[in-house]
Amino acid sequence: MSFKVALNFEDGVTRVIECNDGETVLDAAYRHQVKLPMDCSDGVCGTCKGSCKQGTYDLGDEYIDEALTDDEAADGLILTCQMLPQSDVVVSIPAASSLCASGPQSITSTITSVNALSDTTIELNVALSEPLDFLPGQYINLGLPNSDETRAYSFSSCPGSKEASFLIRNVPNGLMSTYLSKNANAGDVLPVTGPLGSFYLRAVERPVLMLAGGTGLAPILSMLASLVQNPTSQPVYLLYGVTNVDDLVKLEALQEYADALDNFSYATVVVNPDSAHEKLGFVTDHMESVPFALADADAYLCGPPPMVDAVRQYFKDAGTNPYSFHYEKFNPSQPKEEAA
């Protein structure tokens, strides 16, 4: 028996390794040539301290209090030299991946199809040279053929498959947009680096509110795909906002997720006041439709900066913050900004 351990480094790089039953995370990492911080490896120095708030594990009682106090252990802190996973886990490592001889993975992808879903959204489907494990919600840097230029895109597909998909905003004269809409062909090979990011679906232990704007729907779709494979009894609700009704994409996929997940529901919102759409305005105008208390929920938001700022202001003005709030905002042709 073995378990997957997702090592999430402080620079946003994630490395997924296999840990055998009875093997410590530290030993498994070194077996995979990932050099996690350590000194004594006996639970004495505390150098290998990290945190784990997703998955189950055993720390035993061989470490000393100076290395890890009872209060720290109760709060989810761990020592990788003592940690024995009992399920798949996500471990936060307080060090940059470069210091652990473990940068992001570099593989290739081959275009299988490019679909114009609307005037504003392109769907890119690729076959990866090898399956890529990532946390649902994370992104990769995607390169263009014969170029050093890369762009960051969130997966809209489920982790662990050789088939991957992305929703890409069609930016006028954008480097990637122009390539995909005018020059790309099935069979083109694109470099992939990742996975990256601290925006990902945590263990679902309470209601989940998902908020998406435009192509910010991509990581939400990946999260929903993951929930189909790992169902939850908690309610999950999505508010998906766009500028014009024609910008609404992947509605068939959302309905399929609603059919597959008994506790998932969603609503779409259109900004354009001239639209005949049922819900007009911004997602913040329709928070009353959320079927649970915000204070009891984990919230996940992905969208352009004005949307992220508006939602944050809404929570502030309402005087009610979610139990936890994870967001990612994006600008065309610029690095993503994340907050956990």
C-alpha atoms as a PDB file:
ATOM      1  CA  MET A   1       0.000   0.000   0.000  1.00  0.00           C
ATOM      2  CA  SER A   2       1.199   3.515  -0.742  1.00  0.00           C
ATOM      3  CA  PHE A   3      -0.142   7.039  -0.405  1.00  0.00           C
ATOM      4  CA  LYS A   4       0.263  10.226  -2.418  1.00  0.00           C
ATOM      5  CA  VAL A   5       2.017  13.073  -0.608  1.00  0.00           C
ATOM      6  CA  ALA A   6       1.668  16.507  -2.191  1.00  0.00           C
ATOM      7  CA  LEU A   7       4.597  18.629  -1.020  1.00  0.00           C
ATOM      8  CA  ASN A   8       3.523  22.259  -1.365  1.00  0.00           C
ATOM      9  CA  PHE A   9       6.566  24.546  -1.149  1.00  0.00           C
ATOM     10  CA  GLU A  10       6.428  28.184  -0.093  1.00  0.00           C
ATOM     11  CA  ASP A  11       7.187  29.376  -3.652  1.00  0.00           C
ATOM     12  CA  GLY A  12       3.987  27.700  -4.888  1.00  0.00           C
ATOM     13  CA  VAL A  13       5.627  24.683  -6.498  1.00  0.00           C
ATOM     14  CA  THR A  14       3.956  21.346  -5.749  1.00  0.00           C
ATOM     15  CA  ARG A  15       5.674  17.979  -6.020  1.00  0.00           C
ATOM     16  CA  VAL A  16       3.611  14.818  -5.598  1.00  0.00           C
ATOM     17  CA  ILE A  17       5.480  11.728  -4.383  1.00  0.00           C
ATOM     18  CA  GLU A  18       4.510   8.200  -3.406  1.00  0.00           C
ATOM     19  CA  CYS A  19       5.009   7.245   0.238  1.00  0.00           C
ATOM     20  CA  ASN A  20       4.964   3.573   1.198  1.00  0.00           C
ATOM     21  CA  ASP A  21       2.987   2.286   4.157  1.00  0.00           C
ATOM     22  CA  GLY A  22       5.179   2.703   7.241  1.00  0.00           C
ATOM     23  CA  GLU A  23       7.581   5.085   5.487  1.00  0.00           C
ATOM     24  CA  THR A  24       8.139   8.604   6.792  1.00  0.00           C
ATOM     25  CA  VAL A  25       7.518  11.568   4.517  1.00  0.00           C
ATOM     26  CA  LEU A  26      11.170  12.558   4.872  1.00  0.00           C
ATOM     27  CA  ASP A  27      12.406   9.138   3.769  1.00  0.00           C
ATOM     28  CA  ALA A  28       9.952   9.033   0.879  1.00  0.00           C
ATOM     29  CA  ALA A  29      11.038  12.494  -0.239  1.00  0.00           C
ATOM     30  CA  TYR A  30      14.713  11.522  -0.217  1.00  0.00           C
ATOM     31  CA  ARG A  31      13.851   8.356  -2.132  1.00  0.00           C
ATOM     32  CA  HIS A  32      12.357  10.649  -4.786  1.00  0.00           C
ATOM     33  CA  GLN A  33      15.471  12.851  -4.639  1.00  0.00           C
ATOM     34  CA  VAL A  34      13.607  15.692  -2.924  1.00  0.00           C
ATOM     35  CA  LYS A  35      15.877  17.024  -0.197  1.00  0.00           C
ATOM     36  CA  LEU A  36      13.538  18.352   2.471  1.00  0.00           C
ATOM     37  CA  PRO A  37      15.033  20.436   5.293  1.00  0.00           C
ATOM     38  CA  MET A  38      16.436  18.161   8.007  1.00  0.00           C
ATOM     39  CA  ASP A  39      19.251  17.854  10.487  1.00  0.00           C
ATOM     40  CA  CYS A  40      18.842  15.057  13.011  1.00  0.00           C
ATOM     41  CA  SER A  41      16.033  12.963  11.386  1.00  0.00           C
ATOM     42  CA  ASP A  42      15.254  11.696  14.926  1.00  0.00           C
ATOM     43  CA  GLY A  43      12.543  14.125  16.060  1.00  0.00           C
ATOM     44  CA  VAL A  44      14.967  16.181  18.117  1.00  0.00           C
ATOM     45  CA  CYS A  45      15.905  19.343  16.212  1.00  0.00           C
ATOM     46  CA  GLY A  46      12.608  20.467  14.611  1.00  0.00           C
ATOM     47  CA  THR A  47      14.370  21.436  11.367  1.00  0.00           C
ATOM     48  CA  CYS A  48      11.954  19.348   9.279  1.00  0.00           C
ATOM     49  CA  LYS A  49       8.830  20.983  10.717  1.00  0.00           C
ATOM     50  CA  GLY A  50       5.981  21.626   8.288  1.00  0.00           C
ATOM     51  CA  SER A  51       2.196  21.534   8.429  1.00  0.00           C
ATOM     52  CA  CYS A  52      -0.534  19.187   7.278  1.00  0.00           C
ATOM     53  CA  LYS A  53      -4.225  20.014   7.392  1.00  0.00           C
ATOM     54  CA  GLN A  54      -5.415  17.591   4.723  1.00  0.00           C
ATOM     55  CA  GLY A  55      -5.316  13.832   5.182  1.00  0.00           C
ATOM     56  CA  THR A  56      -4.621  11.523   8.105  1.00  0.00           C
ATOM     57  CA  TYR A  57      -1.263  10.519   9.523  1.00  0.00           C
ATOM     58  CA  ASP A  58       0.538   9.276  12.627  1.00  0.00           C
ATOM     59  CA  LEU A  59       3.369  11.143  14.322  1.00  0.00           C
ATOM     60  CA  GLY A  60       4.102   8.513  16.948  1.00  0.00           C
ATOM     61  CA  ASP A  61       5.714   9.632  20.212  1.00  0.00           C
ATOM     62  CA  GLU A  62       9.422   9.456  19.429  1.00  0.00           C
ATOM     63  CA  TYR A  63       9.964  13.219  19.064  1.00  0.00           C
ATOM     64  CA  ILE A  64      10.719  15.632  21.894  1.00  0.00           C
ATOM     65  CA  ASP A  65       8.671  18.643  22.954  1.00  0.00           C
ATOM     66  CA  GLU A  66      11.398  21.072  21.905  1.00  0.00           C
ATOM     67  CA  ALA A  67      11.025  19.844  18.337  1.00  0.00           C
ATOM     68  CA  LEU A  68       7.202  19.843  18.271  1.00  0.00           C
ATOM     69  CA  THR A  69       4.921  20.845  21.127  1.00  0.00           C
ATOM     70  CA  ASP A  70       1.546  19.262  21.794  1.00  0.00           C
ATOM     71  CA  ASP A  71      -0.136  22.552  20.863  1.00  0.00           C
ATOM     72  CA  GLU A  72       1.721  22.645  17.539  1.00  0.00           C
ATOM     73  CA  ALA A  73       0.794  19.052  16.778  1.00  0.00           C
ATOM     74  CA  ALA A  74      -2.844  19.782  17.613  1.00  0.00           C
ATOM     75  CA  ASP A  75      -2.734  22.710  15.178  1.00  0.00           C
ATOM     76  CA  GLY A  76      -1.576  20.506  12.302  1.00  0.00           C
ATOM     77  CA  LEU A  77       2.174  21.040  12.480  1.00  0.00           C
ATOM     78  CA  ILE A  78       4.262  17.969  11.735  1.00  0.00           C
ATOM     79  CA  LEU A  79       7.817  16.685  11.570  1.00  0.00           C
ATOM     80  CA  THR A  80       8.446  15.052   8.207  1.00  0.00           C
ATOM     81  CA  CYS A  81      11.002  12.746   9.845  1.00  0.00           C
ATOM     82  CA  GLN A  82       8.237  11.308  12.064  1.00  0.00           C
ATOM     83  CA  MET A  83       5.145  11.662   9.896  1.00  0.00           C
ATOM     84  CA  LEU A  84       3.654   8.374   8.667  1.00  0.00           C
ATOM     85  CA  PRO A  85       0.800   9.030   6.202  1.00  0.00           C
ATOM     86  CA  GLN A  86      -2.341   6.931   6.610  1.00  0.00           C
ATOM     87  CA  SER A  87      -4.064   8.449   3.570  1.00  0.00           C
ATOM     88  CA  ASP A  88      -3.198  10.821   0.759  1.00  0.00           C
ATOM     89  CA  VAL A  89      -1.955  14.049   2.372  1.00  0.00           C
ATOM     90  CA  VAL A  90      -0.948  17.609   1.517  1.00  0.00           C
ATOM     91  CA  VAL A  91       2.113  18.844   3.399  1.00  0.00           C
ATOM     92  CA  SER A  92       3.193  22.489   3.424  1.00  0.00           C
ATOM     93  CA  ILE A  93       6.969  22.871   3.437  1.00  0.00           C
ATOM     94  CA  PRO A  94       8.270  26.256   4.707  1.00  0.00           C
ATOM     95  CA  ALA A  95      11.083  26.415   2.163  1.00  0.00           C
ATOM     96  CA  ALA A  96      11.475  27.210  -1.518  1.00  0.00           C
ATOM     97  CA  SER A  97      11.483  24.239  -3.865  1.00  0.00           C
ATOM     98  CA  SER A  98      14.880  25.288  -5.223  1.00  0.00           C
ATOM     99  CA  LEU A  99      16.390  24.800  -1.780  1.00  0.00           C
ATOM    100  CA  CYS A 100      15.080  21.237  -1.768  1.00  0.00           C
ATOM    101  CA  ALA A 101      16.461  20.303  -5.196  1.00  0.00           C
ATOM    102  CA  SER A 102      12.902  20.055  -6.462  1.00  0.00           C
ATOM    103  CA  GLY A 103      11.787  22.634  -8.977  1.00  0.00           C
ATOM    104  CA  PRO A 104       8.560  22.378 -10.949  1.00  0.00           C
ATOM    105  CA  GLN A 105       8.251  19.451 -13.338  1.00  0.00           C
ATOM    106  CA  SER A 106       8.948  20.109 -17.002  1.00  0.00           C
ATOM    107  CA  ILE A 107       7.112  17.949 -19.523  1.00  0.00           C
ATOM    108  CA  THR A 108       5.588  18.416 -22.952  1.00  0.00           C
ATOM    109  CA  SER A 109       2.021  18.519 -24.192  1.00  0.00           C
ATOM    110  CA  THR A 110       0.581  17.833 -27.626  1.00  0.00           C
ATOM    111  CA  ILE A 111      -2.469  19.758 -28.797  1.00  0.00           C
ATOM    112  CA  THR A 112      -5.447  17.511 -29.483  1.00  0.00           C
ATOM    113  CA  SER A 113      -8.008  20.252 -30.112  1.00  0.00           C
ATOM    114  CA  VAL A 114      -8.625  23.989 -29.838  1.00  0.00           C
ATOM    115  CA  ASN A 115     -12.246  25.095 -29.487  1.00  0.00           C
ATOM    116  CA  ALA A 116     -13.650  28.630 -29.559  1.00  0.00           C
ATOM    117  CA  LEU A 117     -16.336  28.356 -26.885  1.00  0.00           C
ATOM    118  CA  SER A 118     -17.267  32.033 -27.238  1.00  0.00           C
ATOM    119  CA  ASP A 119     -15.769  35.276 -28.516  1.00  0.00           C
ATOM    120  CA  THR A 120     -13.969  35.589 -25.180  1.00  0.00           C
ATOM    121  CA  THR A 121     -13.019  32.006 -24.298  1.00  0.00           C
ATOM    122  CA  ILE A 122     -10.866  29.369 -25.967  1.00  0.00           C
ATOM    123  CA  GLU A 123     -10.716  25.791 -24.729  1.00  0.00           C
ATOM    124  CA  LEU A 124      -7.381  24.064 -25.198  1.00  0.00           C
ATOM    125  CA  ASN A 125      -7.159  20.277 -24.927  1.00  0.00           C
ATOM    126  CA  VAL A 126      -3.787  18.555 -24.818  1.00  0.00           C
ATOM    127  CA  ALA A 127      -2.228  15.156 -24.294  1.00  0.00           C
ATOM    128  CA  LEU A 128       0.541  15.296 -21.704  1.00  0.00           C
ATOM    129  CA  SER A 129       3.769  13.361 -22.234  1.00  0.00           C
ATOM    130  CA  GLU A 130       3.160  11.823 -18.789  1.00  0.00           C
ATOM    131  CA  PRO A 131       0.366  12.057 -16.219  1.00  0.00           C
ATOM    132  CA  LEU A 132       0.728  15.152 -14.053  1.00  0.00           C
ATOM    133  CA  ASP A 133      -0.440  15.056 -10.457  1.00  0.00           C
ATOM    134  CA  PHE A 134      -1.584  18.420  -9.182  1.00  0.00           C
ATOM    135  CA  LEU A 135      -3.970  19.786  -6.599  1.00  0.00           C
ATOM    136  CA  PRO A 136      -7.349  20.708  -8.126  1.00  0.00           C
ATOM    137  CA  GLY A 137      -7.237  24.466  -8.697  1.00  0.00           C
ATOM    138  CA  GLN A 138      -3.523  24.725  -9.481  1.00  0.00           C
ATOM    139  CA  TYR A 139      -1.995  26.018 -12.700  1.00  0.00           C
ATOM    140  CA  ILE A 140       0.925  25.429 -15.061  1.00  0.00           C
ATOM    141  CA  ASN A 141       3.114  27.652 -17.210  1.00  0.00           C
ATOM    142  CA  LEU A 142       2.425  26.860 -20.841  1.00  0.00           C
ATOM    143  CA  GLY A 143       4.922  27.759 -23.545  1.00  0.00           C
ATOM    144  CA  LEU A 144       4.499  28.435 -27.232  1.00  0.00           C
ATOM    145  CA  PRO A 145       6.332  26.539 -29.985  1.00  0.00           C
ATOM    146  CA  ASN A 146       9.773  27.952 -30.778  1.00  0.00           C
ATOM    147  CA  SER A 147       9.494  30.644 -28.115  1.00  0.00           C
ATOM    148  CA  ASP A 148      10.704  31.343 -24.601  1.00  0.00           C
ATOM    149  CA  GLU A 149       7.394  33.045 -23.773  1.00  0.00           C
ATOM    150  CA  THR A 150       5.057  31.315 -21.320  1.00  0.00           C
ATOM    151  CA  ARG A 151       1.613  32.027 -19.909  1.00  0.00           C
ATOM    152  CA  ALA A 152      -0.023  30.725 -16.734  1.00  0.00           C
ATOM    153  CA  TYR A 153      -3.267  28.743 -17.071  1.00  0.00           C
ATOM    154  CA  SER A 154      -5.296  26.807 -14.539  1.00  0.00           C
ATOM    155  CA  PHE A 155      -6.310  23.248 -15.282  1.00  0.00           C
ATOM    156  CA  SER A 156     -10.015  22.770 -15.926  1.00  0.00           C
ATOM    157  CA  SER A 157      -9.506  18.994 -15.911  1.00  0.00           C
ATOM    158  CA  CYS A 158      -9.015  16.430 -13.170  1.00  0.00           C
ATOM    159  CA  PRO A 159      -5.554  15.667 -11.715  1.00  0.00           C
ATOM    160  CA  GLY A 160      -3.589  12.563 -12.604  1.00  0.00           C
ATOM    161  CA  SER A 161      -4.599  12.135 -16.246  1.00  0.00           C
ATOM    162  CA  LYS A 162      -2.577  12.372 -19.441  1.00  0.00           C
ATOM    163  CA  GLU A 163      -5.439  14.379 -20.932  1.00  0.00           C
ATOM    164  CA  ALA A 164      -5.617  17.987 -19.753  1.00  0.00           C
ATOM    165  CA  SER A 165      -7.761  20.981 -20.604  1.00  0.00           C
ATOM    166  CA  PHE A 166      -7.628  24.726 -20.021  1.00  0.00           C
ATOM    167  CA  LEU A 167      -9.960  27.688 -20.482  1.00  0.00           C
ATOM    168  CA  ILE A 168      -8.048  30.584 -22.003  1.00  0.00           C
ATOM    169  CA  ARG A 169      -9.303  34.127 -22.265  1.00  0.00           C
ATOM    170  CA  ASN A 170      -9.254  35.334 -25.854  1.00  0.00           C
ATOM    171  CA  VAL A 171      -7.308  38.575 -25.465  1.00  0.00           C
ATOM    172  CA  PRO A 172      -7.207  40.734 -28.636  1.00  0.00           C
ATOM    173  CA  ASN A 173      -3.662  40.578 -30.018  1.00  0.00           C
ATOM    174  CA  GLY A 174      -2.635  38.415 -27.080  1.00  0.00           C
ATOM    175  CA  LEU A 175       0.371  36.209 -27.797  1.00  0.00           C
ATOM    176  CA  MET A 176      -1.250  32.910 -26.775  1.00  0.00           C
ATOM    177  CA  SER A 177      -4.710  33.937 -27.986  1.00  0.00           C
ATOM    178  CA  THR A 178      -3.419  34.788 -31.433  1.00  0.00           C
ATOM    179  CA  TYR A 179      -1.476  31.562 -31.676  1.00  0.00           C
ATOM    180  CA  LEU A 180      -4.401  29.398 -30.584  1.00  0.00           C
ATOM    181  CA  SER A 181      -7.026  31.145 -32.698  1.00  0.00           C
ATOM    182  CA  LYS A 182      -4.977  31.512 -35.890  1.00  0.00           C
ATOM    183  CA  ASN A 183      -1.922  29.276 -35.973  1.00  0.00           C
ATOM    184  CA  ALA A 184      -2.324  26.284 -33.687  1.00  0.00           C
ATOM    185  CA  ASN A 185      -2.761  22.814 -35.133  1.00  0.00           C
ATOM    186  CA  ALA A 186      -3.460  19.433 -33.632  1.00  0.00           C
ATOM    187  CA  GLY A 187      -0.098  17.803 -33.051  1.00  0.00           C
ATOM    188  CA  ASP A 188       1.726  20.995 -32.050  1.00  0.00           C
ATOM    189  CA  VAL A 189       3.978  20.397 -29.039  1.00  0.00           C
ATOM    190  CA  LEU A 190       3.925  22.901 -26.178  1.00  0.00           C
ATOM    191  CA  PRO A 191       6.204  22.849 -23.115  1.00  0.00           C
ATOM    192  CA  VAL A 192       4.555  22.588 -19.705  1.00  0.00           C
ATOM    193  CA  THR A 193       6.065  23.559 -16.350  1.00  0.00           C
ATOM    194  CA  GLY A 194       4.310  22.963 -13.045  1.00  0.00           C
ATOM    195  CA  PRO A 195       2.141  22.402 -11.160  1.00  0.00           C
ATOM    196  CA  LEU A 196       2.156  25.692  -9.298  1.00  0.00           C
ATOM    197  CA  GLY A 197       0.028  27.707  -6.922  1.00  0.00           C
ATOM    198  CA  SER A 198      -1.485  27.802  -3.462  1.00  0.00           C
ATOM    199  CA  PHE A 199      -5.045  28.085  -4.789  1.00  0.00           C
ATOM    200  CA  TYR A 200      -6.402  24.557  -4.531  1.00  0.00           C
ATOM    201  CA  LEU A 201      -9.304  22.649  -3.020  1.00  0.00           C
ATOM    202  CA  ARG A 202      -8.680  21.778   0.615  1.00  0.00           C
ATOM    203  CA  ALA A 203     -10.267  18.862   2.436  1.00  0.00           C
ATOM    204  CA  VAL A 204     -14.029  19.478   2.350  1.00  0.00           C
ATOM    205  CA  GLU A 205     -15.157  19.573   5.975  1.00  0.00           C
ATOM    206  CA  ARG A 206     -17.830  22.282   5.759  1.00  0.00           C
ATOM    207  CA  PRO A 207     -20.028  23.912   3.077  1.00  0.00           C
ATOM    208  CA  VAL A 208     -18.148  25.200   0.027  1.00  0.00           C
ATOM    209  CA  LEU A 209     -18.894  28.456  -1.797  1.00  0.00           C
ATOM    210  CA  MET A 210     -17.313  28.758  -5.241  1.00  0.00           C
ATOM    211  CA  LEU A 211     -17.164  32.085  -7.077  1.00  0.00           C
ATOM    212  CA  ALA A 212     -15.917  32.311 -10.665  1.00  0.00           C
ATOM    213  CA  GLY A 213     -15.551  35.152 -13.122  1.00  0.00           C
ATOM    214  CA  GLY A 214     -14.999  34.507 -16.827  1.00  0.00           C
ATOM    215  CA  THR A 215     -12.214  31.991 -17.432  1.00  0.00           C
ATOM    216  CA  GLY A 216     -11.784  31.849 -13.669  1.00  0.00           C
ATOM    217  CA  LEU A 217     -14.248  28.996 -14.072  1.00  0.00           C
ATOM    218  CA  ALA A 218     -11.339  26.728 -15.106  1.00  0.00           C
ATOM    219  CA  PRO A 219      -9.958  25.844 -11.642  1.00  0.00           C
ATOM    220  CA  ILE A 220     -13.506  25.519 -10.321  1.00  0.00           C
ATOM    221  CA  LEU A 221     -14.218  22.877 -12.976  1.00  0.00           C
ATOM    222  CA  SER A 222     -11.094  21.021 -11.876  1.00  0.00           C
ATOM    223  CA  MET A 223     -12.292  21.125  -8.267  1.00  0.00           C
ATOM    224  CA  LEU A 224     -15.716  19.792  -9.267  1.00  0.00           C
ATOM    225  CA  ALA A 225     -14.123  16.992 -11.287  1.00  0.00           C
ATOM    226  CA  SER A 226     -12.123  16.070  -8.199  1.00  0.00           C
ATOM    227  CA  LEU A 227     -15.279  16.058  -6.060  1.00  0.00           C
ATOM    228  CA  VAL A 228     -16.907  13.583  -8.437  1.00  0.00           C
ATOM    229  CA  GLN A 229     -14.026  11.223  -7.699  1.00  0.00           C
ATOM    230  CA  ASN A 230     -14.059  12.082  -3.975  1.00  0.00           C
ATOM    231  CA  PRO A 231     -17.697  12.860  -3.067  1.00  0.00           C
ATOM    232  CA  THR A 232     -18.582  14.938  -0.050  1.00  0.00           C
ATOM    233  CA  SER A 233     -21.739  15.197   2.026  1.00  0.00           C
ATOM    234  CA  GLN A 234     -21.224  18.962   2.383  1.00  0.00           C
ATOM    235  CA  PRO A 235     -23.238  21.353   0.181  1.00  0.00           C
ATOM    236  CA  VAL A 236     -21.319  23.013  -2.657  1.00  0.00           C
ATOM    237  CA  TYR A 237     -22.667  26.147  -4.371  1.00  0.00           C
ATOM    238  CA  LEU A 238     -21.226  28.060  -7.345  1.00  0.00           C
ATOM    239  CA  LEU A 239     -21.928  31.606  -8.505  1.00  0.00           C
ATOM    240  CA  TYR A 240     -20.474  32.064 -11.997  1.00  0.00           C
ATOM    241  CA  GLY A 241     -20.402  35.589 -13.395  1.00  0.00           C
ATOM    242  CA  VAL A 242     -19.663  36.964 -16.877  1.00  0.00           C
ATOM    243  CA  THR A 243     -20.108  40.249 -18.743  1.00  0.00           C
ATOM    244  CA  ASN A 244     -22.473  39.088 -21.497  1.00  0.00           C
ATOM    245  CA  VAL A 245     -24.695  36.050 -21.768  1.00  0.00           C
ATOM    246  CA  ASP A 246     -22.657  34.774 -24.724  1.00  0.00           C
ATOM    247  CA  ASP A 247     -19.640  34.605 -22.400  1.00  0.00           C
ATOM    248  CA  LEU A 248     -21.221  31.785 -20.402  1.00  0.00           C
ATOM    249  CA  VAL A 249     -19.345  28.591 -21.269  1.00  0.00           C
ATOM    250  CA  LYS A 250     -19.197  24.969 -20.110  1.00  0.00           C
ATOM    251  CA  LEU A 251     -22.811  25.083 -18.913  1.00  0.00           C
ATOM    252  CA  GLU A 252     -23.312  21.513 -20.090  1.00  0.00           C
ATOM    253  CA  ALA A 253     -20.359  20.423 -17.956  1.00  0.00           C
ATOM    254  CA  LEU A 254     -21.743  22.294 -14.942  1.00  0.00           C
ATOM    255  CA  GLN A 255     -25.079  20.536 -15.364  1.00  0.00           C
ATOM    256  CA  GLU A 256     -23.304  17.189 -15.601  1.00  0.00           C
ATOM    257  CA  TYR A 257     -21.578  17.939 -12.304  1.00  0.00           C
ATOM    258  CA  ALA A 258     -24.908  18.936 -10.778  1.00  0.00           C
ATOM    259  CA  ASP A 259     -26.362  15.616 -11.925  1.00  0.00           C
ATOM    260  CA  ALA A 260     -23.376  13.661 -10.594  1.00  0.00           C
ATOM    261  CA  LEU A 261     -23.118  15.464  -7.247  1.00  0.00           C
ATOM    262  CA  ASP A 262     -26.312  15.389  -5.190  1.00  0.00           C
ATOM    263  CA  ASN A 263     -25.238  18.372  -3.103  1.00  0.00           C
ATOM    264  CA  PHE A 264     -23.887  20.657  -5.853  1.00  0.00           C
ATOM    265  CA  SER A 265     -25.906  23.518  -7.317  1.00  0.00           C
ATOM    266  CA  TYR A 266     -24.998  26.650  -9.236  1.00  0.00           C
ATOM    267  CA  ALA A 267     -26.302  29.932 -10.628  1.00  0.00           C
ATOM    268  CA  THR A 268     -25.045  32.143 -13.422  1.00  0.00           C
ATOM    269  CA  VAL A 269     -24.904  35.942 -13.336  1.00  0.00           C
ATOM    270  CA  VAL A 270     -24.600  38.384 -16.269  1.00  0.00           C
ATOM    271  CA  VAL A 271     -23.388  41.975 -15.856  1.00  0.00           C
ATOM    272  CA  ASN A 272     -24.961  43.451 -19.014  1.00  0.00           C
ATOM    273  CA  PRO A 273     -28.213  45.151 -17.896  1.00  0.00           C
ATOM    274  CA  ASP A 274     -29.711  44.755 -21.369  1.00  0.00           C
ATOM    275  CA  SER A 275     -29.547  40.974 -21.101  1.00  0.00           C
ATOM    276  CA  ALA A 276     -32.721  38.944 -20.522  1.00  0.00           C
ATOM    277  CA  HIS A 277     -30.770  36.661 -18.177  1.00  0.00           C
ATOM    278  CA  GLU A 278     -32.499  35.820 -14.893  1.00  0.00           C
ATOM    279  CA  LYS A 279     -29.721  37.103 -12.609  1.00  0.00           C
ATOM    280  CA  LEU A 280     -28.197  40.454 -13.601  1.00  0.00           C
ATOM    281  CA  GLY A 281     -25.358  42.419 -12.034  1.00  0.00           C
ATOM    282  CA  PHE A 282     -22.350  41.082 -10.182  1.00  0.00           C
ATOM    283  CA  VAL A 283     -21.972  37.936  -8.120  1.00  0.00           C
ATOM    284  CA  THR A 284     -21.934  40.151  -5.008  1.00  0.00           C
ATOM    285  CA  ASP A 285     -25.511  41.197  -5.876  1.00  0.00           C
ATOM    286  CA  HIS A 286     -26.667  37.594  -5.481  1.00  0.00           C
ATOM    287  CA  MET A 287     -24.998  36.383  -2.308  1.00  0.00           C
ATOM    288  CA  GLU A 288     -28.444  35.966  -0.771  1.00  0.00           C
ATOM    289  CA  SER A 289     -28.905  32.929  -3.005  1.00  0.00           C
ATOM    290  CA  VAL A 290     -26.126  31.058  -1.182  1.00  0.00           C
ATOM    291  CA  PRO A 291     -27.962  28.227   0.605  1.00  0.00           C
ATOM    292  CA  PHE A 292     -25.825  28.256   3.766  1.00  0.00           C
ATOM    293  CA  ALA A 293     -24.255  30.733   6.166  1.00  0.00           C
ATOM    294  CA  LEU A 294     -21.069  32.314   4.835  1.00  0.00           C
ATOM    295  CA  ALA A 295     -19.438  32.162   8.246  1.00  0.00           C
ATOM    296  CA  ASP A 296     -19.743  28.364   8.166  1.00  0.00           C
ATOM    297  CA  ALA A 297     -18.289  27.953   4.661  1.00  0.00           C
ATOM    298  CA  ASP A 298     -14.965  27.663   2.883  1.00  0.00           C
ATOM    299  CA  ALA A 299     -14.937  30.111  -0.032  1.00  0.00           C
ATOM    300  CA  TYR A 300     -12.963  29.735  -3.277  1.00  0.00           C
ATOM    301  CA  LEU A 301     -12.824  32.645  -5.720  1.00  0.00           C
ATOM    302  CA  CYS A 302     -11.093  32.916  -9.099  1.00  0.00           C
ATOM    303  CA  GLY A 303     -11.570  35.883 -11.373  1.00  0.00           C
ATOM    304  CA  PRO A 304     -10.132  39.180 -12.621  1.00  0.00           C
ATOM    305  CA  PRO A 305      -8.766  41.640 -10.021  1.00  0.00           C
ATOM    306  CA  PRO A 306     -11.879  43.910  -9.924  1.00  0.00           C
ATOM    307  CA  MET A 307     -14.052  40.901  -9.086  1.00  0.00           C
ATOM    308  CA  VAL A 308     -11.687  39.676  -6.380  1.00  0.00           C
ATOM    309  CA  ASP A 309     -11.497  43.157  -4.853  1.00  0.00           C
ATOM    310  CA  ALA A 310     -15.298  43.530  -4.981  1.00  0.00           C
ATOM    311  CA  VAL A 311     -15.882  40.209  -3.212  1.00  0.00           C
ATOM    312  CA  ARG A 312     -13.337  41.029  -0.530  1.00  0.00           C
ATOM    313  CA  GLN A 313     -15.036  44.393   0.002  1.00  0.00           C
ATOM    314  CA  TYR A 314     -18.424  42.667   0.155  1.00  0.00           C
ATOM    315  CA  PHE A 315     -17.248  40.396   2.964  1.00  0.00           C
ATOM    316  CA  LYS A 316     -15.819  43.418   4.787  1.00  0.00           C
ATOM    317  CA  ASP A 317     -18.983  45.504   4.413  1.00  0.00           C
ATOM    318  CA  ALA A 318     -21.216  42.585   5.372  1.00  0.00           C
ATOM    319  CA  GLY A 319     -19.156  42.007   8.495  1.00  0.00           C
ATOM    320  CA  THR A 320     -19.233  38.294   7.757  1.00  0.00           C
ATOM    321  CA  ASN A 321     -16.152  36.449   6.618  1.00  0.00           C
ATOM    322  CA  PRO A 322     -16.158  32.846   5.414  1.00  0.00           C
ATOM    323  CA  TYR A 323     -14.598  30.255   7.697  1.00  0.00           C
ATOM    324  CA  SER A 324     -11.708  30.270   5.214  1.00  0.00           C
ATOM    325  CA  PHE A 325     -11.226  32.275   2.048  1.00  0.00           C
ATOM    326  CA  HIS A 326      -8.943  31.214  -0.824  1.00  0.00           C
ATOM    327  CA  TYR A 327      -8.677  33.324  -3.953  1.00  0.00           C
ATOM    328  CA  GLU A 328      -6.742  33.749  -7.165  1.00  0.00           C
ATOM    329  CA  LYS A 329      -6.847  36.773  -9.414  1.00  0.00           C
ATOM    330  CA  PHE A 330      -5.400  37.039 -12.866  1.00  0.00           C
ATOM    331  CA  ASN A 331      -4.395  39.626 -15.439  1.00  0.00           C
ATOM    332  CA  PRO A 332      -3.818  38.783 -19.098  1.00  0.00           C
ATOM    333  CA  SER A 333      -0.125  38.102 -19.817  1.00  0.00           C
ATOM    334  CA  GLN A 334       0.857  38.680 -16.189  1.00  0.00           C
ATOM    335  CA  PRO A 335       1.727  36.294 -13.357  1.00  0.00           C
ATOM    336  CA  LYS A 336      -1.112  35.102 -11.200  1.00  0.00           C
ATOM    337  CA  GLU A 337      -1.496  36.443  -7.688  1.00  0.00           C
ATOM    338  CA  GLU A 338      -2.634  34.101  -4.989  1.00  0.00           C
ATOM    339  CA  ALA A 339      -3.624  34.141  -1.363  1.00  0.00           C
ATOM    340  CA  ALA A 340      -4.368  31.186   0.849  1.00  0.00           C
END
